[in-house]
Protein backbone atom coordinates (compact mmCIF):
# COMPACT_ATOMS: atom_id res chain seq x y z
CA MET A 1 -26.37 -25.92 7.35
CA ASN A 2 -27.44 -29.18 5.75
CA MET A 3 -27.61 -31.25 2.56
CA PRO A 4 -30.07 -30.32 -0.11
CA THR A 5 -33.72 -31.02 0.94
CA GLU A 6 -35.84 -33.65 -0.49
CA HIS A 7 -38.19 -31.19 -2.38
CA LYS A 8 -35.28 -29.99 -4.44
CA LEU A 9 -34.92 -26.39 -3.61
CA ASP A 10 -32.98 -24.36 -6.16
CA THR A 11 -29.22 -24.18 -5.42
CA VAL A 12 -27.36 -20.95 -5.88
CA SER A 13 -24.37 -21.76 -8.27
CA LEU A 14 -20.75 -20.42 -8.29
CA TYR A 15 -19.65 -18.22 -11.24
CA ILE A 16 -16.28 -19.22 -12.44
CA ASN A 17 -14.61 -18.36 -15.87
CA GLY A 18 -17.70 -16.76 -17.25
CA GLN A 19 -20.18 -19.38 -16.58
CA ARG A 20 -22.28 -20.83 -13.72
CA ALA A 21 -20.66 -23.80 -11.91
CA ALA A 22 -21.47 -26.23 -9.21
CA ALA A 23 -19.49 -26.52 -5.97
CA SER A 24 -17.35 -29.61 -5.21
CA GLY A 25 -18.47 -29.79 -1.52
CA THR A 26 -21.34 -31.44 0.28
CA ARG A 27 -22.16 -28.67 2.79
CA TYR A 28 -25.00 -26.17 2.11
CA GLY A 29 -26.70 -23.32 3.80
CA ASP A 30 -30.27 -22.13 3.66
CA VAL A 31 -31.34 -18.82 2.15
CA THR A 32 -34.56 -17.56 3.71
CA ASN A 33 -37.04 -14.95 2.85
CA PRO A 34 -36.93 -12.81 6.13
CA ALA A 35 -40.57 -11.60 5.52
CA THR A 36 -41.93 -15.02 5.61
CA GLY A 37 -39.34 -17.15 7.37
CA ALA A 38 -39.46 -19.66 4.34
CA ILE A 39 -36.46 -21.30 2.98
CA ILE A 40 -36.32 -20.29 -0.68
CA ARG A 41 -32.99 -21.74 -1.98
CA GLN A 42 -29.73 -23.35 -0.80
CA VAL A 43 -26.26 -22.02 -1.16
CA PRO A 44 -23.18 -24.20 -1.28
CA PHE A 45 -20.38 -23.77 1.01
CA CYS A 46 -17.09 -23.76 -1.04
CA THR A 47 -14.05 -25.89 -0.28
CA ALA A 48 -10.47 -24.89 -0.84
CA ALA A 49 -10.68 -26.68 -4.27
CA ASP A 50 -13.36 -24.26 -5.35
CA ILE A 51 -11.61 -21.35 -4.34
CA ASP A 52 -8.58 -22.64 -6.19
CA ALA A 53 -10.51 -23.13 -9.33
CA ALA A 54 -11.81 -19.48 -9.24
CA VAL A 55 -8.19 -18.38 -8.53
CA ARG A 56 -6.87 -20.32 -11.50
CA ALA A 57 -9.64 -18.83 -13.76
CA ALA A 58 -8.71 -15.30 -12.41
CA THR A 59 -5.02 -15.93 -12.96
CA ALA A 60 -5.36 -17.08 -16.52
CA ALA A 61 -7.48 -13.99 -17.39
CA LEU A 62 -5.12 -11.49 -15.78
CA PRO A 63 -2.43 -11.10 -18.38
CA GLU A 64 -4.79 -10.03 -21.14
CA TRP A 65 -7.10 -8.09 -19.08
CA SER A 66 -4.27 -6.03 -17.41
CA ALA A 67 -2.84 -5.30 -20.88
CA TRP A 68 -6.08 -3.81 -22.11
CA PRO A 69 -5.82 -0.02 -22.43
CA ALA A 70 -7.55 1.70 -19.41
CA VAL A 71 -10.01 3.40 -21.87
CA ARG A 72 -11.12 0.03 -23.24
CA ARG A 73 -11.69 -1.33 -19.71
CA SER A 74 -13.67 1.86 -19.00
CA ARG A 75 -15.93 1.17 -21.99
CA VAL A 76 -16.96 -2.33 -20.46
CA LEU A 77 -17.72 -0.53 -17.22
CA GLN A 78 -19.73 2.11 -19.00
CA LYS A 79 -21.88 -0.67 -20.50
CA PHE A 80 -22.13 -2.38 -17.14
CA LEU A 81 -23.35 0.94 -15.73
CA GLN A 82 -26.11 1.02 -18.26
CA LEU A 83 -27.12 -2.69 -17.56
CA LEU A 84 -27.22 -1.92 -13.79
CA GLN A 85 -29.58 0.95 -14.42
CA ALA A 86 -31.81 -1.00 -16.85
CA ASN A 87 -31.95 -3.92 -14.38
CA ALA A 88 -32.22 -2.08 -11.20
CA LYS A 89 -35.71 -3.21 -10.33
CA GLU A 90 -34.73 -6.88 -10.89
CA LEU A 91 -31.73 -6.44 -8.55
CA ALA A 92 -33.63 -4.63 -5.90
CA GLY A 93 -36.25 -7.39 -6.02
CA LEU A 94 -33.57 -10.00 -5.27
CA ILE A 95 -32.23 -7.83 -2.45
CA THR A 96 -35.66 -7.48 -0.90
CA GLU A 97 -36.41 -11.18 -1.27
CA GLU A 98 -33.29 -12.41 0.48
CA ASN A 99 -32.39 -9.55 2.66
CA GLY A 100 -35.71 -8.12 3.80
CA LYS A 101 -35.18 -4.45 3.29
CA THR A 102 -37.96 -2.34 1.61
CA PHE A 103 -37.96 -2.34 -2.14
CA ALA A 104 -37.42 1.31 -2.20
CA ASP A 105 -34.52 1.11 0.03
CA ALA A 106 -33.14 -1.69 -2.19
CA LEU A 107 -33.49 0.58 -5.35
CA GLY A 108 -31.44 3.20 -3.50
CA GLU A 109 -28.80 0.70 -2.60
CA VAL A 110 -28.37 -0.22 -6.38
CA GLN A 111 -28.15 3.47 -7.21
CA ARG A 112 -25.38 4.14 -4.61
CA GLY A 113 -23.55 1.13 -5.85
CA SER A 114 -23.88 2.23 -9.43
CA GLU A 115 -22.29 5.58 -8.63
CA VAL A 116 -19.00 3.76 -7.75
CA VAL A 117 -19.22 2.14 -11.28
CA GLU A 118 -19.74 5.68 -12.71
CA PHE A 119 -16.66 6.79 -10.84
CA ALA A 120 -14.53 3.76 -11.95
CA CYS A 121 -15.41 4.78 -15.75
CA GLY A 122 -12.98 7.52 -15.26
CA ILE A 123 -10.04 5.30 -14.70
CA PRO A 124 -7.97 6.51 -17.55
CA GLN A 125 -7.66 9.93 -15.78
CA LEU A 126 -7.22 8.09 -12.30
CA LEU A 127 -4.28 6.00 -13.51
CA LYS A 128 -2.14 8.82 -14.80
CA GLY A 129 1.27 8.85 -13.12
CA GLU A 130 3.67 11.68 -12.64
CA TYR A 131 6.62 12.84 -14.74
CA SER A 132 9.71 14.87 -14.01
CA GLU A 133 12.06 15.94 -16.79
CA ASN A 134 15.89 16.34 -16.29
CA VAL A 135 16.00 15.37 -12.65
CA GLY A 136 19.76 14.92 -13.29
CA PRO A 137 21.98 15.46 -16.30
CA GLY A 138 19.94 13.77 -19.15
CA VAL A 139 17.78 11.88 -16.56
CA ASP A 140 14.07 11.82 -16.42
CA CYS A 141 11.66 10.12 -13.87
CA HIS A 142 8.14 9.03 -14.16
CA THR A 143 5.73 6.77 -12.31
CA LEU A 144 3.37 4.14 -13.35
CA ARG A 145 0.28 2.75 -11.63
CA GLN A 146 -0.04 -1.02 -12.38
CA SER A 147 -2.55 -3.65 -11.30
CA VAL A 148 -1.88 -5.75 -8.01
CA GLY A 149 -3.07 -9.05 -9.57
CA VAL A 150 -5.84 -11.32 -8.47
CA CYS A 151 -8.05 -9.62 -5.85
CA ALA A 152 -10.80 -10.90 -3.55
CA GLY A 153 -13.76 -9.36 -1.89
CA ILE A 154 -15.60 -10.68 1.18
CA THR A 155 -18.79 -8.81 1.64
CA PRO A 156 -21.74 -8.64 4.27
CA PHE A 157 -25.47 -9.32 3.98
CA ASN A 158 -26.77 -5.73 4.57
CA PHE A 159 -25.74 -4.49 1.23
CA PRO A 160 -25.45 -7.38 -1.31
CA VAL A 161 -25.24 -5.04 -4.30
CA MET A 162 -23.60 -1.80 -3.02
CA VAL A 163 -20.70 -3.17 -1.09
CA PRO A 164 -19.44 -5.50 -3.72
CA LEU A 165 -19.70 -2.44 -6.10
CA TRP A 166 -17.46 -0.51 -3.69
CA MET A 167 -14.81 -3.02 -4.74
CA LEU A 168 -15.09 -4.81 -7.83
CA PRO A 169 -15.48 -1.82 -10.30
CA VAL A 170 -12.46 -0.08 -9.24
CA ALA A 171 -10.39 -3.29 -8.89
CA ILE A 172 -11.09 -4.46 -12.49
CA ALA A 173 -10.83 -0.89 -13.90
CA CYS A 174 -7.27 -0.77 -12.62
CA GLY A 175 -6.62 -4.08 -14.50
CA ASN A 176 -6.99 -6.73 -11.89
CA THR A 177 -9.21 -9.77 -11.85
CA PHE A 178 -11.51 -10.38 -8.94
CA ILE A 179 -13.21 -13.11 -6.85
CA LEU A 180 -16.27 -12.15 -4.75
CA LYS A 181 -17.46 -14.15 -1.85
CA PRO A 182 -20.88 -12.52 -1.10
CA SER A 183 -22.70 -13.16 2.20
CA GLU A 184 -24.27 -16.67 2.24
CA LYS A 185 -27.54 -14.98 3.58
CA ASP A 186 -28.31 -13.25 0.35
CA PRO A 187 -26.03 -14.51 -2.48
CA SER A 188 -28.26 -14.16 -5.58
CA PRO A 189 -27.66 -10.49 -6.55
CA ALA A 190 -23.95 -11.25 -6.89
CA LEU A 191 -24.69 -13.84 -9.57
CA ARG A 192 -26.91 -11.56 -11.46
CA MET A 193 -24.21 -8.82 -11.43
CA ALA A 194 -21.86 -11.45 -12.76
CA GLU A 195 -24.14 -12.03 -15.76
CA LEU A 196 -24.54 -8.40 -16.30
CA LEU A 197 -20.70 -7.85 -16.43
CA LYS A 198 -20.42 -10.55 -19.08
CA GLU A 199 -23.14 -9.04 -21.04
CA ALA A 200 -21.22 -5.87 -20.88
CA GLY A 201 -18.24 -7.48 -22.47
CA LEU A 202 -16.09 -8.56 -19.49
CA PRO A 203 -13.81 -11.34 -20.61
CA ASP A 204 -14.27 -14.74 -18.87
CA GLY A 205 -12.37 -15.24 -15.68
CA VAL A 206 -12.04 -11.51 -14.81
CA PHE A 207 -14.93 -11.71 -12.32
CA ASN A 208 -15.72 -14.80 -10.27
CA VAL A 209 -18.25 -15.65 -7.59
CA VAL A 210 -17.80 -18.25 -4.81
CA HIS A 211 -19.85 -18.83 -1.77
CA GLY A 212 -19.35 -20.25 1.81
CA ASP A 213 -18.47 -19.69 5.39
CA LYS A 214 -15.12 -19.63 7.26
CA GLU A 215 -13.70 -22.54 5.21
CA ALA A 216 -14.04 -20.45 2.13
CA VAL A 217 -12.69 -17.34 3.84
CA ASP A 218 -9.80 -19.01 5.17
CA ALA A 219 -9.02 -20.54 1.67
CA ILE A 220 -9.07 -17.12 0.24
CA LEU A 221 -6.80 -15.57 2.91
CA ALA A 222 -4.23 -18.45 2.50
CA HIS A 223 -4.18 -18.81 -1.15
CA PRO A 224 -0.87 -17.77 -2.68
CA GLY A 225 -2.44 -16.64 -5.88
CA ILE A 226 -4.57 -13.91 -4.37
CA SER A 227 -2.72 -10.59 -3.93
CA ALA A 228 -5.27 -8.42 -2.18
CA VAL A 229 -8.41 -8.77 0.03
CA SER A 230 -11.16 -6.38 0.77
CA PHE A 231 -13.74 -6.94 3.62
CA VAL A 232 -16.62 -5.41 5.17
CA GLY A 233 -18.29 -6.90 8.32
CA SER A 234 -18.02 -6.99 12.08
CA THR A 235 -14.89 -5.80 13.94
CA PRO A 236 -13.87 -9.27 15.31
CA ILE A 237 -13.92 -10.71 11.71
CA ALA A 238 -12.30 -7.60 10.23
CA ARG A 239 -9.38 -7.96 12.71
CA TYR A 240 -9.15 -11.59 11.85
CA ILE A 241 -9.18 -10.89 8.01
CA TYR A 242 -6.54 -8.21 8.38
CA GLU A 243 -4.23 -10.23 10.62
CA THR A 244 -4.51 -13.58 8.74
CA GLY A 245 -4.32 -11.90 5.28
CA ALA A 246 -1.26 -9.85 6.21
CA LYS A 247 0.33 -12.91 7.71
CA HIS A 248 0.02 -14.43 4.21
CA GLY A 249 1.57 -11.52 2.53
CA LYS A 250 -1.55 -9.97 1.17
CA ARG A 251 -2.65 -6.31 0.82
CA VAL A 252 -5.66 -6.07 3.09
CA GLN A 253 -8.38 -3.43 3.83
CA ALA A 254 -10.96 -4.66 6.38
CA LEU A 255 -13.78 -2.41 7.49
CA GLY A 256 -15.38 -3.36 10.75
CA GLY A 257 -18.26 -2.45 12.98
CA ALA A 258 -19.67 0.85 14.06
CA LYS A 259 -21.45 2.74 17.02
CA ASN A 260 -22.44 5.92 15.17
CA HIS A 261 -23.50 8.97 17.38
CA MET A 262 -25.68 11.83 16.47
CA VAL A 263 -25.15 14.74 18.65
CA VAL A 264 -27.97 17.27 19.04
CA LEU A 265 -27.42 20.70 20.57
CA PRO A 266 -30.15 22.86 22.16
CA ASP A 267 -30.03 25.22 19.19
CA ALA A 268 -31.11 22.49 16.75
CA ASP A 269 -34.56 22.27 15.14
CA VAL A 270 -35.86 19.38 17.15
CA ASP A 271 -38.37 18.25 14.73
CA TYR A 272 -35.96 18.20 11.94
CA ALA A 273 -33.35 16.38 14.02
CA ALA A 274 -35.95 13.84 15.00
CA ASP A 275 -37.13 13.12 11.47
CA ALA A 276 -33.35 12.65 10.52
CA VAL A 277 -32.71 10.17 13.25
CA ILE A 278 -35.85 8.19 12.49
CA GLY A 279 -34.54 7.24 9.07
CA ALA A 280 -31.09 6.94 10.12
CA ALA A 281 -31.71 4.65 13.07
CA TYR A 282 -34.55 2.54 11.74
CA GLY A 283 -34.02 2.52 8.00
CA ALA A 284 -33.16 -1.05 6.85
CA ALA A 285 -34.07 -2.20 10.27
CA GLY A 286 -30.89 -0.65 11.72
CA GLU A 287 -28.79 -3.23 9.71
CA ARG A 288 -26.47 -0.50 8.25
CA CYS A 289 -22.90 0.08 9.27
CA MET A 290 -23.62 3.81 9.14
CA ALA A 291 -26.98 3.64 11.12
CA ILE A 292 -27.29 6.00 13.91
CA SER A 293 -27.47 3.94 17.08
CA VAL A 294 -26.94 6.64 19.69
CA VAL A 295 -28.39 10.10 20.09
CA VAL A 296 -26.37 12.40 22.27
CA ALA A 297 -28.81 14.95 23.75
CA VAL A 298 -26.94 18.00 24.99
CA GLY A 299 -28.46 20.17 27.72
CA ASP A 300 -32.10 20.95 27.92
CA VAL A 301 -32.98 19.61 24.42
CA ALA A 302 -33.17 16.00 25.81
CA ASP A 303 -36.77 15.77 26.97
CA ALA A 304 -38.33 17.34 23.79
CA LEU A 305 -36.09 15.47 21.62
CA VAL A 306 -36.85 12.06 23.28
CA GLN A 307 -40.60 12.74 23.17
CA THR A 308 -40.52 13.82 19.56
CA ILE A 309 -38.42 10.79 18.42
CA ARG A 310 -40.84 8.42 20.32
CA HIS A 311 -43.90 10.02 18.70
CA LYS A 312 -42.37 9.58 15.24
CA ALA A 313 -40.95 6.19 15.84
CA ARG A 314 -44.36 4.88 16.76
CA LYS A 315 -45.56 5.73 13.36
CA VAL A 316 -42.95 3.65 11.45
CA ARG A 317 -44.81 1.09 9.58
CA VAL A 318 -43.18 -2.36 9.93
CA GLY A 319 -43.80 -5.13 7.31
CA PRO A 320 -42.82 -7.12 4.28
CA GLY A 321 -40.29 -5.04 2.11
CA MET A 322 -42.36 -5.53 -1.22
CA GLN A 323 -45.52 -4.12 0.46
CA GLU A 324 -46.53 -0.65 -0.45
CA GLY A 325 -46.15 1.92 2.28
CA VAL A 326 -43.80 -0.29 4.50
CA ASP A 327 -41.04 1.87 6.02
CA MET A 328 -39.11 -1.00 7.79
CA GLY A 329 -38.70 -4.59 6.78
CA PRO A 330 -37.67 -7.62 8.79
CA LEU A 331 -34.22 -8.45 10.07
CA VAL A 332 -32.25 -10.81 8.00
CA THR A 333 -32.52 -14.00 9.94
CA CYS A 334 -34.40 -15.42 12.99
CA ALA A 335 -31.18 -15.79 14.91
CA HIS A 336 -30.30 -12.32 14.36
CA ARG A 337 -33.75 -10.98 15.32
CA ASP A 338 -33.53 -12.93 18.55
CA LYS A 339 -30.01 -11.56 19.25
CA VAL A 340 -31.27 -7.95 18.91
CA ALA A 341 -34.27 -8.73 21.02
CA GLY A 342 -31.65 -9.97 23.62
CA TYR A 343 -30.01 -6.63 23.76
CA ILE A 344 -33.40 -5.10 24.53
CA GLU A 345 -33.64 -7.37 27.53
CA SER A 346 -30.17 -6.40 28.46
CA GLY A 347 -30.90 -2.65 28.32
CA VAL A 348 -33.87 -3.06 30.55
CA ALA A 349 -31.95 -5.20 32.98
CA GLU A 350 -29.08 -2.58 33.22
CA GLY A 351 -31.56 0.18 34.18
CA ALA A 352 -32.03 2.05 30.78
CA THR A 353 -35.54 3.65 30.56
CA LEU A 354 -37.44 1.71 27.71
CA ALA A 355 -39.32 4.37 26.05
CA LEU A 356 -40.53 2.18 23.09
CA ASP A 357 -40.39 -1.55 22.99
CA GLY A 358 -40.30 -3.26 19.53
CA ARG A 359 -40.67 -6.70 20.79
CA GLY A 360 -43.83 -8.52 20.14
CA VAL A 361 -44.66 -6.86 16.86
CA SER A 362 -47.20 -8.77 14.85
CA ILE A 363 -47.49 -8.56 11.00
CA PRO A 364 -50.79 -10.17 9.72
CA GLY A 365 -50.09 -12.90 7.26
CA HIS A 366 -46.30 -13.05 8.21
CA ASP A 367 -46.33 -14.76 11.68
CA GLN A 368 -43.10 -16.56 10.81
CA GLY A 369 -41.21 -13.38 9.42
CA PHE A 370 -38.17 -12.04 11.36
CA PHE A 371 -39.73 -8.74 12.57
CA LEU A 372 -38.97 -6.45 15.30
CA GLY A 373 -40.50 -2.99 15.79
CA THR A 374 -38.86 0.36 16.53
CA THR A 375 -37.15 0.40 20.03
CA LEU A 376 -36.02 3.55 21.91
CA PHE A 377 -34.01 3.66 25.03
CA ASP A 378 -33.58 6.73 27.21
CA HIS A 379 -31.07 7.42 30.06
CA VAL A 380 -28.46 5.07 28.57
CA THR A 381 -24.89 5.28 30.05
CA PRO A 382 -21.60 4.35 28.42
CA GLN A 383 -21.22 1.40 30.89
CA MET A 384 -24.36 -0.36 29.43
CA LYS A 385 -23.95 -3.30 27.03
CA ILE A 386 -26.53 -1.59 24.61
CA TYR A 387 -24.06 1.34 24.45
CA ARG A 388 -20.80 -0.50 24.13
CA GLU A 389 -21.64 -3.03 21.55
CA GLU A 390 -22.76 -2.88 17.93
CA ILE A 391 -26.41 -4.04 17.95
CA PHE A 392 -27.24 -3.84 14.27
CA GLY A 393 -31.02 -3.65 14.61
CA PRO A 394 -33.68 -1.01 15.08
CA VAL A 395 -32.60 -0.06 18.75
CA LEU A 396 -31.86 3.57 19.34
CA SER A 397 -30.13 4.72 22.57
CA VAL A 398 -30.31 8.29 23.93
CA VAL A 399 -27.27 9.34 26.26
CA ARG A 400 -27.63 12.83 27.96
CA VAL A 401 -24.77 15.21 28.51
CA GLU A 402 -24.53 18.74 29.65
CA THR A 403 -22.09 20.22 27.18
CA LEU A 404 -20.69 19.95 23.54
CA GLU A 405 -17.34 19.22 25.09
CA ALA A 406 -18.78 16.31 26.93
CA ALA A 407 -20.45 15.09 23.73
CA ILE A 408 -17.15 15.21 21.82
CA ASP A 409 -15.42 13.28 24.71
CA LEU A 410 -18.07 10.64 24.62
CA VAL A 411 -17.76 9.94 20.88
CA ASN A 412 -14.04 9.88 21.01
CA ALA A 413 -14.01 7.36 23.85
CA GLN A 414 -15.85 4.86 21.79
CA ALA A 415 -13.74 2.00 20.39
CA PHE A 416 -15.64 2.33 17.02
CA ALA A 417 -15.07 5.30 14.89
CA ASN A 418 -17.12 4.95 11.60
CA GLY A 419 -19.48 8.00 11.49
CA ALA A 420 -20.76 10.70 13.67
CA ALA A 421 -23.17 13.63 13.04
CA ILE A 422 -23.96 17.06 14.86
CA PHE A 423 -27.34 18.76 14.58
CA THR A 424 -26.98 22.57 15.20
CA SER A 425 -27.67 26.01 13.87
CA SER A 426 -24.11 27.08 15.10
CA GLY A 427 -21.36 27.25 12.57
CA GLY A 428 -18.81 27.48 15.35
CA ALA A 429 -20.06 24.42 17.10
CA ALA A 430 -20.22 22.47 14.05
CA ARG A 431 -16.71 23.44 13.09
CA ARG A 432 -15.29 22.58 16.44
CA PHE A 433 -17.01 19.14 16.25
CA GLU A 434 -15.73 18.28 12.82
CA GLU A 435 -12.19 19.26 13.91
CA GLU A 436 -12.09 17.48 17.29
CA VAL A 437 -14.05 14.36 16.70
CA GLN A 438 -11.97 11.26 16.00
CA ILE A 439 -14.17 9.80 13.38
CA GLY A 440 -13.66 8.77 9.77
CA MET A 441 -16.85 10.33 8.33
CA VAL A 442 -18.61 13.32 9.94
CA GLY A 443 -22.07 14.99 9.14
CA VAL A 444 -23.18 18.33 9.91
CA ASN A 445 -27.09 18.29 9.98
CA VAL A 446 -26.59 15.15 7.90
CA PRO A 447 -27.36 11.96 9.91
CA ILE A 448 -25.66 9.41 7.70
CA PRO A 449 -22.59 11.01 6.28
CA VAL A 450 -21.84 8.46 3.53
CA PRO A 451 -19.68 10.33 0.90
CA LEU A 452 -20.27 10.11 -2.72
CA ALA A 453 -18.29 7.65 -4.78
CA PHE A 454 -15.50 10.13 -5.60
CA TYR A 455 -14.64 10.48 -1.85
CA SER A 456 -13.32 7.62 0.31
CA PHE A 457 -15.60 5.62 2.66
CA GLY A 458 -14.10 4.21 5.92
CA GLY A 459 -13.69 4.75 9.58
CA TRP A 460 -10.92 4.93 12.16
CA LYS A 461 -9.86 2.94 15.31
CA ASN A 462 -11.89 -0.39 15.46
CA SER A 463 -13.96 0.42 12.35
CA LEU A 464 -10.96 -0.08 9.98
CA PHE A 465 -8.00 -2.33 9.81
CA GLY A 466 -5.68 -1.15 7.02
CA ASP A 467 -4.47 2.13 5.72
CA LEU A 468 -6.87 2.74 2.88
CA HIS A 469 -10.64 3.32 2.64
CA VAL A 470 -12.91 1.89 -0.11
CA HIS A 471 -14.04 3.84 -3.17
CA GLY A 472 -12.65 7.16 -4.28
CA VAL A 473 -8.99 7.77 -5.05
CA GLU A 474 -8.04 5.64 -1.96
CA ALA A 475 -9.51 2.69 -3.70
CA VAL A 476 -7.41 3.24 -6.74
CA LYS A 477 -4.42 3.31 -4.58
CA PHE A 478 -5.32 0.11 -2.88
CA TYR A 479 -5.81 -1.69 -6.22
CA THR A 480 -2.68 -0.54 -7.82
CA ARG A 481 1.03 -0.70 -7.23
CA THR A 482 3.27 2.44 -7.97
CA LYS A 483 6.45 1.76 -10.02
CA ALA A 484 8.93 4.62 -10.32
CA VAL A 485 11.01 4.63 -13.58
CA THR A 486 14.35 6.53 -13.92
CA THR A 487 15.46 6.95 -17.53
CA ARG A 488 18.73 7.91 -19.06
CA TRP A 489 19.65 7.68 -22.80
CA PRO A 490 23.39 7.65 -23.01
CA ASN A 491 25.43 9.93 -25.29
CA GLN A 492 28.96 11.38 -25.44
CA SER A 493 28.40 13.58 -22.48
CA THR A 494 27.00 10.83 -20.17
CA PRO A 495 29.11 10.48 -17.01
CA LYS A 496 31.24 7.36 -16.80
CA PRO A 497 30.16 4.67 -14.24
CA SER A 498 31.02 5.43 -10.59
CA PHE A 499 31.40 3.09 -7.59
CA SER A 500 29.91 6.01 -5.31
CA MET A 501 26.36 6.35 -4.47
CA PRO A 502 24.68 7.83 -7.62
CA VAL A 503 23.77 11.56 -7.24
CA LEU A 504 21.64 12.73 -10.17
CA GLY A 505 21.17 16.43 -9.41
C-alpha cells in the first residue's frame, strides 16, 4: 500500500448516499491488471470515519425504504435486472481487467449474479407471513417478516459481481439498506453496480460502497449502527468475522474456504469425467470456492483417469482474459501466483507425483503477467499440505482409494465441507453418496454443484460460520426478523383478566 503515485493514477471512489465520494484517509492500495502486471488505478483504504459516513447515510434512508411496499421495491429490482443485462459486457470487461478471468467466464459471472436479482424480484411472495384464525376464543395469530436494518457485505476478489449479488438484492428487497465492502483487488465493478441501482430508481443511501482492508472490516464489525454482516472468503477470516461480529451483537453469515472433491467410480465414463474436471479445476485459474481441487479415483479407474486428465490439461490455453480462444487467465496478484507456486514445490517435496507442472509458463507479450499453467499431482495422500489446505489456484490433486466407502470417509474427514461430486453410472452408488457425504452442496455427474438462485448456497463445517446460507429462501430469513402478533378484539364475551398464565385454546 502507498500514497497516490506521481503520475496521477485514477483513484477508485467511495459511493455514499447516492454519489461518488472521496475517502478521508491517506492509505491506498494498488489495483493491477493481472494479465500485464501493470498498476491501473488505486483504491483508498477507508477509516472508521468513512464507514460511519456510510452507516449514517444508510440509517437515514432506512425508514422510508423499509416502508415502501414490497411490490414497489420489487419494481426497482426489475429495472436493475434489465440494466445488468444491458450492461453485462461492460461489467464483464471490468471483471477481466481487474480480476484476470476470461471474458466469457466474466459474462457467466454476471449472468449467475443476475439470477439472484431475478429471484429477489419475487419478494412480495417471499415476505408473506402465516395466519391462524381463532387460536383461542376470539383470538387470531399472524406473523410478519420485517427488515433487520442496516446490513453490510464483505466480499472476495474472485467474484466481484456475483458474490455481492448473492447479498444485496435480497437484503434491499427485504427492506434493509446495505453497505458493500468489495475486495480491494477488484473494486470497480461494485461502483458500476451502484450507478445502475441508482439509474433503476433506488433511493440515495439505500446502497453504499466502501473500500479497504482490516481497518475498514473492523470498523464494520464494531459499528453499532450495522445489524447484520455477510461475508465470503477464507476460513480463518470467516471465523474472525463471525466471532467478532457476534461479539458486537450482529447477525452474521460467514462463508469460508473449501477443498472440493470429485469422486470417480470405475463405472464412470472416463472421458466425460475428465472433461468435467478440467473446467471445474482450472476454470478461473482455480480461484473459485467451488473449484474441484481433489479427484478421488476409486479402484482401477485411476490410471486411465489420470492419463486422460493430463492429456486434456495440457491443451488448456493460458493467456490474457480478453484474448480470443483463451481458456484460463492469470491469477489475481503476483503474491498469490507465487503462493500457489509454493504449494507445487511443497507437493514435490512431500513425495506426490507431479504429472503436469504449470510453473514457468510463458505468455508472449505478457512477461509481467501473473500466469501459472495447469498443474496435476498424482498419488497424493491426506497427510500432504497440498491436500490439507485450500490452494485456490490451478493445482489438481488425485487421491487413489479402493472403494466408495473409503472415498466417502475421505471426503467426510476433511475440515472443509463446501461441495463434492460423484461421477458414476450407478444410481445406487450416487444415492448412497448424496445421503452419507457430510457436505453442503452435492453434485451427481455435475462437477460444480452450485445451485440456482432459488436454492441456498453454502457449506458445512469450516466452510460456513452461521446458521443460514446465501441466496434462496435462507437469505430471506437472514435479512428479515419474524414478528408474531396475537390479536383479540374485546366484546361482551371476552374473558376477564387473570393473574394465571394465559391459556388461549
